[in-house]
PDB file of N, CA and C in Angstrom:
ATOM      1  N   MET A   1      -6.599  19.810  -4.680  1.00  0.00           N
ATOM      2  CA  MET A   1      -6.303  19.115  -3.705  1.00  0.00           C
ATOM      3  C   MET A   1      -4.453  18.743  -4.050  1.00  0.00           C
ATOM      4  N   THR A   2      -3.934  18.355  -3.248  1.00  0.00           N
ATOM      5  CA  THR A   2      -2.388  17.990  -3.427  1.00  0.00           C
ATOM      6  C   THR A   2      -2.406  16.654  -3.276  1.00  0.00           C
ATOM      7  N   ASP A   3      -1.291  16.033  -3.905  1.00  0.00           N
ATOM      8  CA  ASP A   3      -1.234  14.498  -3.840  1.00  0.00           C
ATOM      9  C   ASP A   3      -1.574  13.925  -2.548  1.00  0.00           C
ATOM     10  N   GLU A   4      -0.544  14.381  -1.668  1.00  0.00           N
ATOM     11  CA  GLU A   4      -0.687  13.958  -0.110  1.00  0.00           C
ATOM     12  C   GLU A   4      -1.891  13.948   0.519  1.00  0.00           C
ATOM     13  N   ILE A   5      -2.920  14.716   0.194  1.00  0.00           N
ATOM     14  CA  ILE A   5      -4.176  14.904   0.774  1.00  0.00           C
ATOM     15  C   ILE A   5      -4.818  13.898  -0.033  1.00  0.00           C
ATOM     16  N   ARG A   6      -4.766  13.751  -1.359  1.00  0.00           N
ATOM     17  CA  ARG A   6      -5.545  12.598  -1.970  1.00  0.00           C
ATOM     18  C   ARG A   6      -5.356  11.316  -1.620  1.00  0.00           C
ATOM     19  N   ARG A   7      -3.621  10.769  -1.052  1.00  0.00           N
ATOM     20  CA  ARG A   7      -3.358   9.585  -0.781  1.00  0.00           C
ATOM     21  C   ARG A   7      -3.763   9.256   0.713  1.00  0.00           C
ATOM     22  N   TYR A   8      -3.787  10.510   1.335  1.00  0.00           N
ATOM     23  CA  TYR A   8      -4.506  10.123   2.879  1.00  0.00           C
ATOM     24  C   TYR A   8      -6.008   9.663   2.601  1.00  0.00           C
ATOM     25  N   LEU A   9      -6.552  10.666   1.734  1.00  0.00           N
ATOM     26  CA  LEU A   9      -8.179  10.389   1.694  1.00  0.00           C
ATOM     27  C   LEU A   9      -8.386   8.892   0.913  1.00  0.00           C
ATOM     28  N   ASP A  10      -7.650   8.358  -0.071  1.00  0.00           N
ATOM     29  CA  ASP A  10      -7.611   6.987  -0.517  1.00  0.00           C
ATOM     30  C   ASP A  10      -7.368   6.072   0.584  1.00  0.00           C
ATOM     31  N   LYS A  11      -6.495   6.153   1.354  1.00  0.00           N
ATOM     32  CA  LYS A  11      -6.277   5.113   2.714  1.00  0.00           C
ATOM     33  C   LYS A  11      -7.551   5.278   3.365  1.00  0.00           C
ATOM     34  N   ALA A  12      -8.128   6.451   3.416  1.00  0.00           N
ATOM     35  CA  ALA A  12      -9.331   6.545   4.399  1.00  0.00           C
ATOM     36  C   ALA A  12     -10.192   5.775   3.886  1.00  0.00           C
ATOM     37  N   ASP A  13     -10.370   5.646   2.729  1.00  0.00           N
ATOM     38  CA  ASP A  13     -11.742   5.119   1.786  1.00  0.00           C
ATOM     39  C   ASP A  13     -11.344   3.725   1.839  1.00  0.00           C
ATOM     40  N   HIS A  14     -10.277   3.328   1.614  1.00  0.00           N
ATOM     41  CA  HIS A  14      -9.947   1.974   1.712  1.00  0.00           C
ATOM     42  C   HIS A  14     -10.258   1.310   2.906  1.00  0.00           C
ATOM     43  N   ALA A  15      -9.725   1.948   4.217  1.00  0.00           N
ATOM     44  CA  ALA A  15      -9.900   1.660   5.261  1.00  0.00           C
ATOM     45  C   ALA A  15     -11.522   1.211   5.658  1.00  0.00           C
ATOM     46  N   LEU A  16     -12.236   2.260   5.201  1.00  0.00           N
ATOM     47  CA  LEU A  16     -13.887   2.015   5.466  1.00  0.00           C
ATOM     48  C   LEU A  16     -14.294   1.003   4.643  1.00  0.00           C
ATOM     49  N   ILE A  17     -13.812   0.418   3.242  1.00  0.00           N
ATOM     50  CA  ILE A  17     -14.052  -0.676   2.460  1.00  0.00           C
ATOM     51  C   ILE A  17     -13.948  -1.935   3.525  1.00  0.00           C
ATOM     52  N   VAL A  18     -12.489  -1.840   3.695  1.00  0.00           N
ATOM     53  CA  VAL A  18     -12.303  -3.245   4.493  1.00  0.00           C
ATOM     54  C   VAL A  18     -13.023  -3.054   5.553  1.00  0.00           C
ATOM     55  N   ALA A  19     -13.291  -2.219   6.720  1.00  0.00           N
ATOM     56  CA  ALA A  19     -14.319  -2.301   7.548  1.00  0.00           C
ATOM     57  C   ALA A  19     -15.543  -2.933   7.528  1.00  0.00           C
ATOM     58  N   GLU A  20     -16.157  -2.354   6.204  1.00  0.00           N
ATOM     59  CA  GLU A  20     -17.577  -2.835   5.834  1.00  0.00           C
ATOM     60  C   GLU A  20     -17.699  -4.111   5.620  1.00  0.00           C
ATOM     61  N   ASP A  21     -16.253  -4.939   4.892  1.00  0.00           N
ATOM     62  CA  ASP A  21     -16.079  -6.197   4.777  1.00  0.00           C
ATOM     63  C   ASP A  21     -16.150  -6.963   5.909  1.00  0.00           C
ATOM     64  N   LEU A  22     -15.302  -6.395   6.903  1.00  0.00           N
ATOM     65  CA  LEU A  22     -15.030  -6.882   7.984  1.00  0.00           C
ATOM     66  C   LEU A  22     -16.307  -7.330   9.184  1.00  0.00           C
ATOM     67  N   ILE A  23     -17.375  -6.102   9.120  1.00  0.00           N
ATOM     68  CA  ILE A  23     -18.402  -6.073   9.997  1.00  0.00           C
ATOM     69  C   ILE A  23     -19.238  -7.255   9.443  1.00  0.00           C
ATOM     70  N   GLY A  24     -19.290  -7.264   7.995  1.00  0.00           N
ATOM     71  CA  GLY A  24     -20.384  -7.902   7.450  1.00  0.00           C
ATOM     72  C   GLY A  24     -19.781  -9.810   7.440  1.00  0.00           C
ATOM     73  N   GLN A  25     -18.409  -9.869   8.154  1.00  0.00           N
ATOM     74  CA  GLN A  25     -18.184 -11.061   8.393  1.00  0.00           C
ATOM     75  C   GLN A  25     -18.124 -11.451   9.868  1.00  0.00           C
ATOM     76  N   GLY A  26     -18.700 -10.570  10.500  1.00  0.00           N
ATOM     77  CA  GLY A  26     -18.980 -10.605  12.229  1.00  0.00           C
ATOM     78  C   GLY A  26     -17.700 -10.340  12.841  1.00  0.00           C
ATOM     79  N   HIS A  27     -16.740  -9.575  12.513  1.00  0.00           N
ATOM     80  CA  HIS A  27     -15.378  -9.190  13.149  1.00  0.00           C
ATOM     81  C   HIS A  27     -15.720  -7.543  13.479  1.00  0.00           C
ATOM     82  N   ALA A  28     -16.689  -7.537  14.495  1.00  0.00           N
ATOM     83  CA  ALA A  28     -16.657  -6.058  14.934  1.00  0.00           C
ATOM     84  C   ALA A  28     -15.404  -5.455  15.291  1.00  0.00           C
ATOM     85  N   PRO A  29     -14.648  -6.160  16.306  1.00  0.00           N
ATOM     86  CA  PRO A  29     -13.277  -5.349  17.049  1.00  0.00           C
ATOM     87  C   PRO A  29     -12.523  -5.160  16.023  1.00  0.00           C
ATOM     88  N   ASP A  30     -12.279  -5.822  14.605  1.00  0.00           N
ATOM     89  CA  ASP A  30     -11.310  -5.485  13.467  1.00  0.00           C
ATOM     90  C   ASP A  30     -11.852  -4.481  12.767  1.00  0.00           C
ATOM     91  N   SER A  31     -13.400  -4.588  12.479  1.00  0.00           N
ATOM     92  CA  SER A  31     -13.781  -3.488  11.990  1.00  0.00           C
ATOM     93  C   SER A  31     -13.743  -1.949  12.517  1.00  0.00           C
ATOM     94  N   ALA A  32     -13.825  -1.948  14.002  1.00  0.00           N
ATOM     95  CA  ALA A  32     -13.617  -0.621  14.688  1.00  0.00           C
ATOM     96  C   ALA A  32     -12.105  -0.195  14.506  1.00  0.00           C
ATOM     97  N   SER A  33     -11.275  -1.130  14.464  1.00  0.00           N
ATOM     98  CA  SER A  33      -9.693  -0.886  14.069  1.00  0.00           C
ATOM     99  C   SER A  33      -9.822  -0.012  13.122  1.00  0.00           C
ATOM    100  N   LYS A  34     -10.169  -0.643  11.923  1.00  0.00           N
ATOM    101  CA  LYS A  34     -10.079  -0.008  10.733  1.00  0.00           C
ATOM    102  C   LYS A  34     -10.865   1.214  10.536  1.00  0.00           C
ATOM    103  N   ILE A  35     -12.001   1.408  11.063  1.00  0.00           N
ATOM    104  CA  ILE A  35     -12.642   2.805  11.380  1.00  0.00           C
ATOM    105  C   ILE A  35     -12.009   3.855  12.022  1.00  0.00           C
ATOM    106  N   TYR A  36     -11.227   3.170  13.077  1.00  0.00           N
ATOM    107  CA  TYR A  36     -10.324   4.395  13.586  1.00  0.00           C
ATOM    108  C   TYR A  36      -9.119   4.738  12.788  1.00  0.00           C
ATOM    109  N   TYR A  37      -8.660   4.088  11.825  1.00  0.00           N
ATOM    110  CA  TYR A  37      -7.735   4.504  10.945  1.00  0.00           C
ATOM    111  C   TYR A  37      -8.505   5.576  10.097  1.00  0.00           C
ATOM    112  N   ALA A  38      -9.403   4.985   9.440  1.00  0.00           N
ATOM    113  CA  ALA A  38      -9.969   5.843   8.441  1.00  0.00           C
ATOM    114  C   ALA A  38     -10.420   7.241   9.108  1.00  0.00           C
ATOM    115  N   MET A  39     -10.725   7.437  10.304  1.00  0.00           N
ATOM    116  CA  MET A  39     -10.721   8.770  10.815  1.00  0.00           C
ATOM    117  C   MET A  39      -9.625   9.321  10.716  1.00  0.00           C
ATOM    118  N   PHE A  40      -8.381   8.697  11.275  1.00  0.00           N
ATOM    119  CA  PHE A  40      -6.920   9.208  11.487  1.00  0.00           C
ATOM    120  C   PHE A  40      -6.167   9.914  10.088  1.00  0.00           C
ATOM    121  N   TYR A  41      -6.871   9.096   9.054  1.00  0.00           N
ATOM    122  CA  TYR A  41      -6.126   8.960   7.772  1.00  0.00           C
ATOM    123  C   TYR A  41      -6.922  10.563   7.366  1.00  0.00           C
ATOM    124  N   ALA A  42      -8.166  10.558   7.638  1.00  0.00           N
ATOM    125  CA  ALA A  42      -8.860  11.744   7.130  1.00  0.00           C
ATOM    126  C   ALA A  42      -8.420  12.749   8.000  1.00  0.00           C
ATOM    127  N   ALA A  43      -8.445  12.870   9.348  1.00  0.00           N
ATOM    128  CA  ALA A  43      -7.492  13.939   9.864  1.00  0.00           C
ATOM    129  C   ALA A  43      -6.096  14.428   9.535  1.00  0.00           C
ATOM    130  N   LYS A  44      -5.421  13.618   8.872  1.00  0.00           N
ATOM    131  CA  LYS A  44      -3.829  13.968   8.564  1.00  0.00           C
ATOM    132  C   LYS A  44      -4.254  14.701   7.201  1.00  0.00           C
ATOM    133  N   ALA A  45      -5.440  14.025   6.165  1.00  0.00           N
ATOM    134  CA  ALA A  45      -5.632  14.889   5.324  1.00  0.00           C
ATOM    135  C   ALA A  45      -5.715  16.446   5.800  1.00  0.00           C
ATOM    136  N   LYS A  46      -6.731  16.630   6.525  1.00  0.00           N
ATOM    137  CA  LYS A  46      -7.285  17.829   6.794  1.00  0.00           C
ATOM    138  C   LYS A  46      -5.911  18.943   7.364  1.00  0.00           C
ATOM    139  N   HIS A  47      -5.175  18.347   7.658  1.00  0.00           N
ATOM    140  CA  HIS A  47      -3.895  19.033   8.461  1.00  0.00           C
ATOM    141  C   HIS A  47      -2.766  19.178   7.471  1.00  0.00           C
ATOM    142  N   CYS A  48      -2.945  18.907   6.191  1.00  0.00           N
ATOM    143  CA  CYS A  48      -1.818  18.857   5.308  1.00  0.00           C
ATOM    144  C   CYS A  48      -1.870  20.421   4.561  1.00  0.00           C
TER     145      CYS A  48
END
């Protein structure tokens, strides 16, 4: 795995952690945004 892929996957993981925190605090719209970015970063990693 390249460093670039690892960075994107780390960003995706972090976005999911933040999304879980936000949903737990009742911030569903903000959580959805973070989930979108998690998918975006994972897709970027796939195309490296």
